[in-house]
Amino acid sequence: MAFEDRLTASFRGVEFLLEEADGESGRRAIPHAYPKKEVGYTEDNGKVLTQERISGRVVGEDYLAQLKAILEALNKPGPGELIHPWFGIRKVQVGKVSHKLINRVDGTATINFEVYEVGENLFPNSKSDTATQVKSEAEKTKDAVNTAFADEFDISTLDGMGDMVDAFLDDLDELTRGLPSLPDDLRQWTDRLMRTKDSVGKLLAYPGELAREAMGLLEDIKGVVKDPIRALDVYQNVQNRWSGMRAELGATGGLSRNISSAGGMAGSVPKLANPSKNAAIQANAQAFKTLTLNSAIVASCSALGEAEIVKKLDDEPQLVESLSGAERNAILTGQQLKSLGYGIADQLALYAAAAVESNRSAVWRQMRALRQAVLADTRARAELLPQVSIYKPKESVPVALVAWQQTGNTERRDSIVLRNGFKNPAFVLPTDTVEVIG
């Protein structure tokens, strides 16, 4: 293989100049010999785990920043992705790492590290199921949120509360339209929604039942769509609508059916003649608003935990080949999952802080535990997903060459063309910015 045809070495996406690589492999041979015997035999006791010793270098004016980046990548726990100039993409476990800086030589530093074949663990391990942990913490948080609402809701002042709950249910009905739903499940969910609307008057007398029924409908949206990830859009829309004055307007009769169907807002909250009654209505509206926002973010966590994440493209080629171009382009990547998970974690932190200010300690503790579970699940599952890299050619090059250089597999040419929609599917032009899923 010519030098210019070799891949640029990198680990966890951090590039470096590979100088040498020597490795060991083979079989574990056990010789059997006997005293005063001229014959014996050798037993094959399985393969030797492949290992390599990598010597590399970073150069340039920013060599210290490059060195820091590669050392940080090498010292992260767990297996990582190594792009080997000769062998392509490999999943390896890093062993001992060393580096060397020479005072009389500026602009360069050397690194040396060991990598081992990841292999397969044939024995049970103590690694936690992060997705199950998210769902478990989400259930506990939902119970804490519902309990807090039941404690804060004043059943002696129910004026306008029916309109407020009706507005919420109308929003759910509107926001679920057009989703790629499962017909039977959607029909059952819609029937349940209508039954809830018919019994709002009775539910208002039992705040706990109201929270469980209304917010159960919100959470179950993820069960009527083909992909729970699509439900995240509904939950975000609910938060966007109810983060303003929607609850207060609904409670005071200032929210009309037209506003509910259009998703707009009226001017200001009407003031009632009795100030104390007005304060009680506003307090109930605020309690329902908090319940809605908290339940929406908790439902987002549940949807993320229940989503079936597609593994690396090379792991399931038959699955990827069966997808259409649009479906291939929509495959969730590691960066996209992190964006979703970290965004939800940020919102949980905000709602947890609000719970502290409102003296809802049980909600705060559960929000904090749920946030930690979401972050752990996001990091663990993002590692299993394809990673997107950006390639900018300096001159016109064949797509097949880009596929080989970036992934080590020319058969990935078609997926690169489908994802980027090139006008000329045979070549990548210098004006093109190429997204490559690896």
Protein backbone atom coordinates (compact mmCIF):
# COMPACT_ATOMS: atom_id res chain seq x y z
CA MET A 1 0.00 0.00 0.00
CA ALA A 2 1.42 3.39 -1.02
CA PHE A 3 2.02 5.92 1.74
CA GLU A 4 -0.53 8.40 0.36
CA ASP A 5 -3.24 5.70 0.34
CA ARG A 6 -3.02 4.99 4.05
CA LEU A 7 -5.65 6.27 6.46
CA THR A 8 -4.79 9.03 8.95
CA ALA A 9 -4.42 7.46 12.37
CA SER A 10 -6.81 8.57 15.11
CA PHE A 11 -8.31 7.36 18.39
CA ARG A 12 -11.79 8.45 19.49
CA GLY A 13 -11.65 10.95 16.61
CA VAL A 14 -8.36 12.59 17.75
CA GLU A 15 -5.76 12.40 14.97
CA PHE A 16 -2.03 11.80 15.37
CA LEU A 17 0.89 10.73 13.18
CA LEU A 18 1.51 7.00 13.53
CA GLU A 19 5.18 6.11 13.17
CA GLU A 20 5.35 2.44 14.10
CA ALA A 21 3.00 -0.37 15.02
CA ASP A 22 4.06 -3.84 16.06
CA GLY A 23 1.72 -6.51 17.34
CA GLU A 24 1.27 -10.03 18.57
CA SER A 25 -1.31 -12.68 17.75
CA GLY A 26 -1.42 -16.44 17.18
CA ARG A 27 -2.48 -19.46 19.23
CA ARG A 28 -1.85 -20.51 22.81
CA ALA A 29 0.10 -23.71 22.25
CA ILE A 30 0.67 -26.11 25.16
CA PRO A 31 3.41 -28.71 24.48
CA HIS A 32 3.06 -32.11 26.14
CA ALA A 33 6.35 -34.00 26.59
CA TYR A 34 7.11 -37.06 28.73
CA PRO A 35 10.28 -38.34 30.44
CA LYS A 36 12.27 -40.84 28.35
CA LYS A 37 9.79 -40.62 25.49
CA GLU A 38 10.71 -39.73 21.92
CA VAL A 39 7.22 -38.53 21.05
CA GLY A 40 4.82 -35.91 22.37
CA TYR A 41 2.21 -33.53 21.06
CA THR A 42 1.13 -29.91 21.20
CA GLU A 43 -2.36 -28.85 22.28
CA ASP A 44 -4.15 -25.85 20.81
CA ASN A 45 -5.52 -23.96 23.81
CA GLY A 46 -7.29 -21.14 21.94
CA LYS A 47 -6.23 -17.90 20.30
CA VAL A 48 -3.95 -15.26 21.75
CA LEU A 49 -5.74 -11.96 22.14
CA THR A 50 -4.38 -9.60 19.51
CA GLN A 51 -2.38 -6.69 20.89
CA GLU A 52 -0.30 -3.93 19.37
CA ARG A 53 2.21 -1.34 20.52
CA ILE A 54 1.62 1.99 18.80
CA SER A 55 4.25 4.72 18.47
CA GLY A 56 3.04 8.09 17.25
CA ARG A 57 3.84 11.77 17.17
CA VAL A 58 2.13 15.16 17.19
CA VAL A 59 3.77 18.12 15.44
CA GLY A 60 3.07 21.78 14.79
CA GLU A 61 2.79 25.02 16.70
CA ASP A 62 -0.14 23.62 18.69
CA TYR A 63 1.60 20.33 19.47
CA LEU A 64 0.94 20.70 23.22
CA ALA A 65 -2.81 21.08 22.60
CA GLN A 66 -2.70 18.05 20.28
CA LEU A 67 -0.81 16.05 22.90
CA LYS A 68 -3.31 16.96 25.59
CA ALA A 69 -6.21 15.95 23.32
CA ILE A 70 -4.78 12.54 22.41
CA LEU A 71 -3.81 11.79 26.03
CA GLU A 72 -7.31 12.69 27.19
CA ALA A 73 -8.81 10.35 24.56
CA LEU A 74 -6.42 7.52 25.46
CA ASN A 75 -7.15 7.79 29.19
CA LYS A 76 -10.93 7.66 28.93
CA PRO A 77 -12.40 4.45 30.39
CA GLY A 78 -13.79 1.72 28.18
CA PRO A 79 -13.13 0.62 24.60
CA GLY A 80 -12.69 3.17 21.83
CA GLU A 81 -12.47 3.38 18.06
CA LEU A 82 -8.98 3.30 16.52
CA ILE A 83 -8.47 4.16 12.86
CA HIS A 84 -5.41 2.17 11.85
CA PRO A 85 -3.54 3.32 8.71
CA TRP A 86 -3.20 -0.26 7.49
CA PHE A 87 -6.10 -2.18 9.08
CA GLY A 88 -8.91 0.42 9.05
CA ILE A 89 -11.42 0.93 11.85
CA ARG A 90 -11.02 -1.29 14.92
CA LYS A 91 -12.57 -1.41 18.38
CA VAL A 92 -9.76 -1.62 20.92
CA GLN A 93 -9.05 -1.33 24.63
CA VAL A 94 -6.13 0.92 25.51
CA GLY A 95 -3.49 -0.36 27.91
CA LYS A 96 -0.40 1.45 29.21
CA VAL A 97 0.19 4.94 27.76
CA SER A 98 3.41 6.97 27.78
CA HIS A 99 4.55 10.22 26.20
CA LYS A 100 7.84 12.04 25.76
CA LEU A 101 8.73 15.72 25.50
CA ILE A 102 12.32 16.79 24.75
CA ASN A 103 13.37 20.23 25.93
CA ARG A 104 15.86 20.82 23.13
CA VAL A 105 13.39 19.81 20.43
CA ASP A 106 10.41 22.14 20.07
CA GLY A 107 7.20 21.65 18.07
CA THR A 108 6.83 17.89 18.55
CA ALA A 109 6.05 15.23 21.14
CA THR A 110 5.93 11.44 20.97
CA ILE A 111 3.33 9.05 22.38
CA ASN A 112 3.40 5.30 22.92
CA PHE A 113 0.50 3.10 23.96
CA GLU A 114 -0.73 -0.46 23.94
CA VAL A 115 -4.04 -1.58 22.45
CA TYR A 116 -5.79 -4.89 22.94
CA GLU A 117 -8.55 -6.66 21.07
CA VAL A 118 -11.86 -5.97 22.84
CA GLY A 119 -13.23 -9.47 22.27
CA GLU A 120 -16.40 -10.76 23.91
CA ASN A 121 -17.08 -11.22 27.61
CA LEU A 122 -18.32 -14.80 28.01
CA PHE A 123 -19.11 -14.38 31.69
CA PRO A 124 -21.75 -12.26 33.48
CA ASN A 125 -20.62 -8.77 34.45
CA SER A 126 -21.85 -6.09 36.80
CA LYS A 127 -22.43 -3.43 34.13
CA SER A 128 -25.77 -1.74 34.73
CA ASP A 129 -28.57 -1.55 32.19
CA THR A 130 -28.60 2.23 31.78
CA ALA A 131 -31.84 2.37 29.76
CA THR A 132 -33.71 0.38 32.42
CA GLN A 133 -32.26 2.66 35.09
CA VAL A 134 -33.62 5.71 33.24
CA LYS A 135 -37.12 4.20 33.06
CA SER A 136 -37.00 3.24 36.75
CA GLU A 137 -35.94 6.73 37.87
CA ALA A 138 -38.53 8.28 35.52
CA GLU A 139 -41.32 6.32 37.23
CA LYS A 140 -40.13 7.45 40.66
CA THR A 141 -39.90 11.06 39.50
CA LYS A 142 -43.39 10.90 37.99
CA ASP A 143 -44.80 9.70 41.32
CA ALA A 144 -43.00 12.52 43.18
CA VAL A 145 -44.33 15.14 40.72
CA ASN A 146 -47.92 13.84 40.99
CA THR A 147 -47.74 13.77 44.79
CA ALA A 148 -46.46 17.36 44.90
CA PHE A 149 -49.35 18.49 42.68
CA ALA A 150 -51.93 16.70 44.83
CA ASP A 151 -50.53 18.44 47.93
CA GLU A 152 -50.52 21.91 46.34
CA PHE A 153 -53.86 21.83 44.46
CA ASP A 154 -56.73 23.52 46.33
CA ILE A 155 -59.98 21.63 45.65
CA SER A 156 -62.02 24.33 47.41
CA THR A 157 -61.43 26.73 44.48
CA LEU A 158 -62.10 24.97 41.19
CA ASP A 159 -63.31 27.94 39.14
CA GLY A 160 -61.78 27.81 35.67
CA MET A 161 -59.86 24.60 36.33
CA GLY A 162 -62.06 22.61 33.95
CA ASP A 163 -61.23 24.99 31.09
CA MET A 164 -57.55 24.77 31.94
CA VAL A 165 -57.49 20.95 31.83
CA ASP A 166 -59.60 20.97 28.64
CA ALA A 167 -57.04 23.29 27.03
CA PHE A 168 -54.27 20.86 27.98
CA LEU A 169 -56.15 17.87 26.54
CA ASP A 170 -56.92 19.83 23.35
CA ASP A 171 -53.21 20.55 22.99
CA LEU A 172 -52.39 16.85 23.24
CA ASP A 173 -55.03 16.05 20.61
CA GLU A 174 -53.61 18.69 18.26
CA LEU A 175 -49.94 17.92 18.75
CA THR A 176 -50.34 14.19 18.07
CA ARG A 177 -51.98 14.74 14.68
CA GLY A 178 -49.71 13.92 11.76
CA LEU A 179 -47.37 11.72 13.79
CA PRO A 180 -46.40 8.36 12.21
CA SER A 181 -48.66 6.45 14.58
CA LEU A 182 -49.78 2.87 15.00
CA PRO A 183 -53.52 2.95 14.02
CA ASP A 184 -54.87 0.62 16.70
CA ASP A 185 -52.82 2.18 19.50
CA LEU A 186 -53.70 5.71 18.37
CA ARG A 187 -57.42 4.87 18.33
CA GLN A 188 -57.25 3.47 21.85
CA TRP A 189 -55.31 6.54 23.03
CA THR A 190 -57.85 8.90 21.41
CA ASP A 191 -60.76 7.05 23.03
CA ARG A 192 -59.06 7.37 26.39
CA LEU A 193 -58.51 11.09 25.76
CA MET A 194 -62.22 11.61 25.07
CA ARG A 195 -63.20 9.69 28.20
CA THR A 196 -60.87 11.84 30.25
CA LYS A 197 -62.40 15.04 28.82
CA ASP A 198 -65.87 13.77 29.73
CA SER A 199 -64.81 13.08 33.33
CA VAL A 200 -62.75 16.22 34.02
CA GLY A 201 -65.43 17.55 36.39
CA LYS A 202 -65.16 14.48 38.61
CA LEU A 203 -61.36 14.29 38.43
CA LEU A 204 -60.93 17.85 39.70
CA ALA A 205 -62.16 16.72 43.11
CA TYR A 206 -59.32 14.18 43.26
CA PRO A 207 -56.05 15.92 42.30
CA GLY A 208 -54.02 12.71 42.50
CA GLU A 209 -56.33 10.93 40.05
CA LEU A 210 -56.33 14.00 37.79
CA ALA A 211 -52.53 14.02 37.66
CA ARG A 212 -52.29 10.30 36.98
CA GLU A 213 -54.94 10.35 34.25
CA ALA A 214 -54.01 13.56 32.42
CA MET A 215 -50.26 13.10 32.65
CA GLY A 216 -50.60 9.40 31.86
CA LEU A 217 -52.09 10.45 28.51
CA LEU A 218 -49.08 12.71 27.95
CA GLU A 219 -46.57 9.97 28.73
CA ASP A 220 -48.39 7.36 26.62
CA ILE A 221 -47.87 9.39 23.44
CA LYS A 222 -44.53 7.61 23.07
CA GLY A 223 -46.43 4.32 22.85
CA VAL A 224 -48.61 5.31 19.89
CA VAL A 225 -45.79 6.42 17.57
CA LYS A 226 -43.59 4.06 15.60
CA ASP A 227 -40.42 5.54 17.10
CA PRO A 228 -40.43 6.95 20.66
CA ILE A 229 -37.85 9.54 19.56
CA ARG A 230 -40.61 11.23 17.51
CA ALA A 231 -42.56 11.75 20.73
CA LEU A 232 -39.82 14.08 21.96
CA ASP A 233 -41.12 16.75 19.57
CA VAL A 234 -44.57 16.57 21.19
CA TYR A 235 -43.11 16.84 24.69
CA GLN A 236 -41.00 19.83 23.66
CA ASN A 237 -44.03 21.54 22.10
CA VAL A 238 -46.00 21.00 25.30
CA GLN A 239 -43.21 22.65 27.28
CA ASN A 240 -43.04 25.55 24.83
CA ARG A 241 -46.79 26.20 25.09
CA TRP A 242 -47.16 25.84 28.84
CA SER A 243 -44.01 27.64 29.90
CA GLY A 244 -45.80 30.99 29.46
CA MET A 245 -49.21 32.11 30.73
CA ARG A 246 -51.27 29.37 29.11
CA ALA A 247 -52.34 27.78 32.40
CA GLU A 248 -53.28 31.11 34.00
CA LEU A 249 -55.26 32.16 30.94
CA GLY A 250 -57.10 28.86 30.86
CA ALA A 251 -57.95 29.02 34.54
CA THR A 252 -59.38 32.55 34.35
CA GLY A 253 -61.45 31.94 31.25
CA GLY A 254 -59.23 34.06 29.01
CA LEU A 255 -58.31 31.13 26.76
CA SER A 256 -60.73 30.50 23.92
CA ARG A 257 -61.13 27.42 21.76
CA ASN A 258 -59.62 29.28 18.81
CA ILE A 259 -56.49 30.06 20.78
CA SER A 260 -56.24 26.43 21.90
CA SER A 261 -56.47 25.10 18.36
CA ALA A 262 -54.03 27.67 16.97
CA GLY A 263 -51.53 27.44 19.79
CA GLY A 264 -51.55 31.22 20.35
CA MET A 265 -51.75 33.37 23.47
CA ALA A 266 -54.28 35.94 24.61
CA GLY A 267 -53.26 39.36 25.84
CA SER A 268 -53.14 39.30 29.65
CA VAL A 269 -54.58 37.38 32.57
CA PRO A 270 -58.03 38.75 33.53
CA LYS A 271 -58.40 39.93 37.12
CA LEU A 272 -61.31 38.70 39.22
CA ALA A 273 -63.30 40.86 41.64
CA ASN A 274 -62.29 38.82 44.70
CA PRO A 275 -58.48 39.15 45.18
CA SER A 276 -58.18 36.14 47.50
CA LYS A 277 -60.16 33.95 45.12
CA ASN A 278 -58.08 35.20 42.23
CA ALA A 279 -54.90 34.29 44.14
CA ALA A 280 -56.22 30.78 44.82
CA ILE A 281 -57.07 30.29 41.12
CA GLN A 282 -53.63 31.55 40.11
CA ALA A 283 -52.00 29.16 42.61
CA ASN A 284 -53.95 26.20 41.16
CA ALA A 285 -53.03 27.29 37.64
CA GLN A 286 -49.37 27.50 38.63
CA ALA A 287 -49.54 24.04 40.21
CA PHE A 288 -51.03 22.54 37.04
CA LYS A 289 -48.50 24.38 34.88
CA THR A 290 -45.63 22.97 36.98
CA LEU A 291 -47.19 19.51 36.79
CA THR A 292 -47.42 19.77 32.99
CA LEU A 293 -43.84 20.97 32.48
CA ASN A 294 -42.35 18.42 34.88
CA SER A 295 -44.39 15.57 33.42
CA ALA A 296 -43.35 16.52 29.87
CA ILE A 297 -39.64 16.36 30.69
CA VAL A 298 -40.04 13.10 32.63
CA ALA A 299 -41.94 11.60 29.67
CA SER A 300 -39.06 12.71 27.42
CA CYS A 301 -36.67 10.71 29.61
CA SER A 302 -38.90 7.63 29.38
CA ALA A 303 -39.13 7.95 25.59
CA LEU A 304 -35.36 8.23 25.30
CA GLY A 305 -34.87 5.19 27.50
CA GLU A 306 -37.34 3.08 25.51
CA ALA A 307 -36.03 4.04 22.05
CA GLU A 308 -34.47 1.24 20.01
CA ILE A 309 -31.06 2.58 19.05
CA VAL A 310 -29.62 1.32 15.74
CA LYS A 311 -26.09 0.03 16.22
CA LYS A 312 -23.13 0.72 13.93
CA LEU A 313 -23.83 0.33 10.24
CA ASP A 314 -21.19 -2.38 9.85
CA ASP A 315 -22.77 -4.42 12.67
CA GLU A 316 -26.13 -4.81 10.88
CA PRO A 317 -25.50 -4.45 7.13
CA GLN A 318 -28.63 -6.37 6.18
CA LEU A 319 -30.74 -3.92 8.20
CA VAL A 320 -29.16 -0.87 6.61
CA GLU A 321 -29.50 -2.27 3.08
CA SER A 322 -33.25 -2.72 3.66
CA LEU A 323 -33.74 0.97 4.48
CA SER A 324 -34.72 3.63 1.98
CA GLY A 325 -32.46 6.59 1.29
CA ALA A 326 -34.42 8.86 3.63
CA GLU A 327 -34.39 6.24 6.39
CA ARG A 328 -30.65 5.74 6.05
CA ASN A 329 -30.18 9.48 6.30
CA ALA A 330 -32.29 9.55 9.48
CA ILE A 331 -30.24 6.93 11.35
CA LEU A 332 -29.45 8.35 14.77
CA THR A 333 -25.76 9.13 15.26
CA GLY A 334 -23.77 9.33 18.46
CA GLN A 335 -23.59 13.12 18.24
CA GLN A 336 -27.36 13.40 17.74
CA LEU A 337 -28.10 11.15 20.73
CA LYS A 338 -25.76 13.21 22.90
CA SER A 339 -27.46 16.40 21.74
CA LEU A 340 -30.87 14.96 22.72
CA GLY A 341 -29.72 13.46 26.01
CA TYR A 342 -27.68 16.43 27.17
CA GLY A 343 -30.51 18.81 26.22
CA ILE A 344 -32.96 16.83 28.36
CA ALA A 345 -30.42 16.74 31.21
CA ASP A 346 -30.09 20.55 31.05
CA GLN A 347 -33.87 20.94 31.30
CA LEU A 348 -33.97 18.54 34.25
CA ALA A 349 -31.39 20.71 36.00
CA LEU A 350 -33.56 23.81 35.50
CA TYR A 351 -36.72 22.11 36.77
CA ALA A 352 -34.79 20.67 39.73
CA ALA A 353 -33.62 24.18 40.64
CA ALA A 354 -37.21 25.42 40.41
CA ALA A 355 -38.31 22.59 42.72
CA VAL A 356 -35.75 23.71 45.31
CA GLU A 357 -37.11 27.27 45.21
CA SER A 358 -40.66 25.91 45.68
CA ASN A 359 -39.66 23.68 48.63
CA ARG A 360 -40.52 20.47 46.74
CA SER A 361 -37.53 18.50 48.06
CA ALA A 362 -38.81 15.09 46.95
CA VAL A 363 -39.17 16.32 43.36
CA TRP A 364 -35.70 17.89 43.48
CA ARG A 365 -34.06 14.66 44.68
CA GLN A 366 -35.77 12.58 42.01
CA MET A 367 -35.00 15.11 39.26
CA ARG A 368 -31.34 14.96 40.25
CA ALA A 369 -31.28 11.14 40.24
CA LEU A 370 -33.09 11.05 36.89
CA ARG A 371 -30.64 13.54 35.37
CA GLN A 372 -27.68 11.39 36.42
CA ALA A 373 -29.34 8.30 34.91
CA VAL A 374 -30.03 10.12 31.61
CA LEU A 375 -26.42 11.30 31.34
CA ALA A 376 -25.06 7.81 32.05
CA ASP A 377 -27.42 6.22 29.52
CA THR A 378 -26.61 8.82 26.86
CA ARG A 379 -22.86 8.32 27.20
CA ALA A 380 -23.12 4.53 27.17
CA ARG A 381 -25.44 4.22 24.18
CA ALA A 382 -23.81 6.99 22.13
CA GLU A 383 -20.69 4.81 22.07
CA LEU A 384 -22.68 2.14 20.18
CA LEU A 385 -23.90 4.52 17.49
CA PRO A 386 -22.29 5.70 14.27
CA GLN A 387 -20.15 8.81 14.61
CA VAL A 388 -20.34 11.62 12.05
CA SER A 389 -17.11 13.12 10.74
CA ILE A 390 -16.73 16.07 8.35
CA TYR A 391 -14.50 15.70 5.28
CA LYS A 392 -13.48 18.68 3.12
CA PRO A 393 -11.64 17.67 -0.10
CA LYS A 394 -8.85 19.85 -1.48
CA GLU A 395 -9.52 18.65 -5.02
CA SER A 396 -12.09 16.56 -6.88
CA VAL A 397 -11.87 12.96 -5.69
CA PRO A 398 -13.98 9.82 -6.33
CA VAL A 399 -16.59 9.06 -3.67
CA ALA A 400 -15.24 5.50 -3.48
CA LEU A 401 -11.83 6.90 -2.47
CA VAL A 402 -13.44 9.05 0.24
CA ALA A 403 -15.28 5.98 1.54
CA TRP A 404 -12.01 4.03 1.71
CA GLN A 405 -10.01 6.80 3.33
CA GLN A 406 -12.64 7.67 5.94
CA THR A 407 -14.13 4.24 6.72
CA GLY A 408 -11.80 1.65 5.23
CA ASN A 409 -14.68 0.22 3.18
CA THR A 410 -15.44 1.28 -0.41
CA GLU A 411 -18.91 -0.30 -0.15
CA ARG A 412 -19.93 2.63 2.04
CA ARG A 413 -19.81 4.80 -1.10
CA ASP A 414 -23.59 4.62 -1.66
CA SER A 415 -24.43 5.62 1.92
CA ILE A 416 -22.18 8.72 1.60
CA VAL A 417 -23.91 9.72 -1.64
CA LEU A 418 -27.39 9.21 -0.13
CA ARG A 419 -26.60 11.19 3.01
CA ASN A 420 -25.04 14.17 1.22
CA GLY A 421 -27.16 14.23 -1.98
CA PHE A 422 -24.33 14.90 -4.43
CA LYS A 423 -25.30 16.21 -7.86
CA ASN A 424 -22.52 14.12 -9.39
CA PRO A 425 -22.65 10.85 -7.43
CA ALA A 426 -19.24 9.70 -8.72
CA PHE A 427 -17.07 12.56 -7.43
CA VAL A 428 -16.75 14.90 -4.48
CA LEU A 429 -15.91 18.47 -5.48
CA PRO A 430 -13.69 20.91 -3.52
CA THR A 431 -16.82 22.99 -2.80
CA ASP A 432 -18.55 20.04 -1.09
CA THR A 433 -18.59 19.43 2.67
CA VAL A 434 -19.04 15.70 3.21
CA GLU A 435 -20.68 14.11 6.24
CA VAL A 436 -19.38 10.59 6.77
CA ILE A 437 -20.98 8.16 9.20
CA GLY A 438 -18.37 5.82 10.61
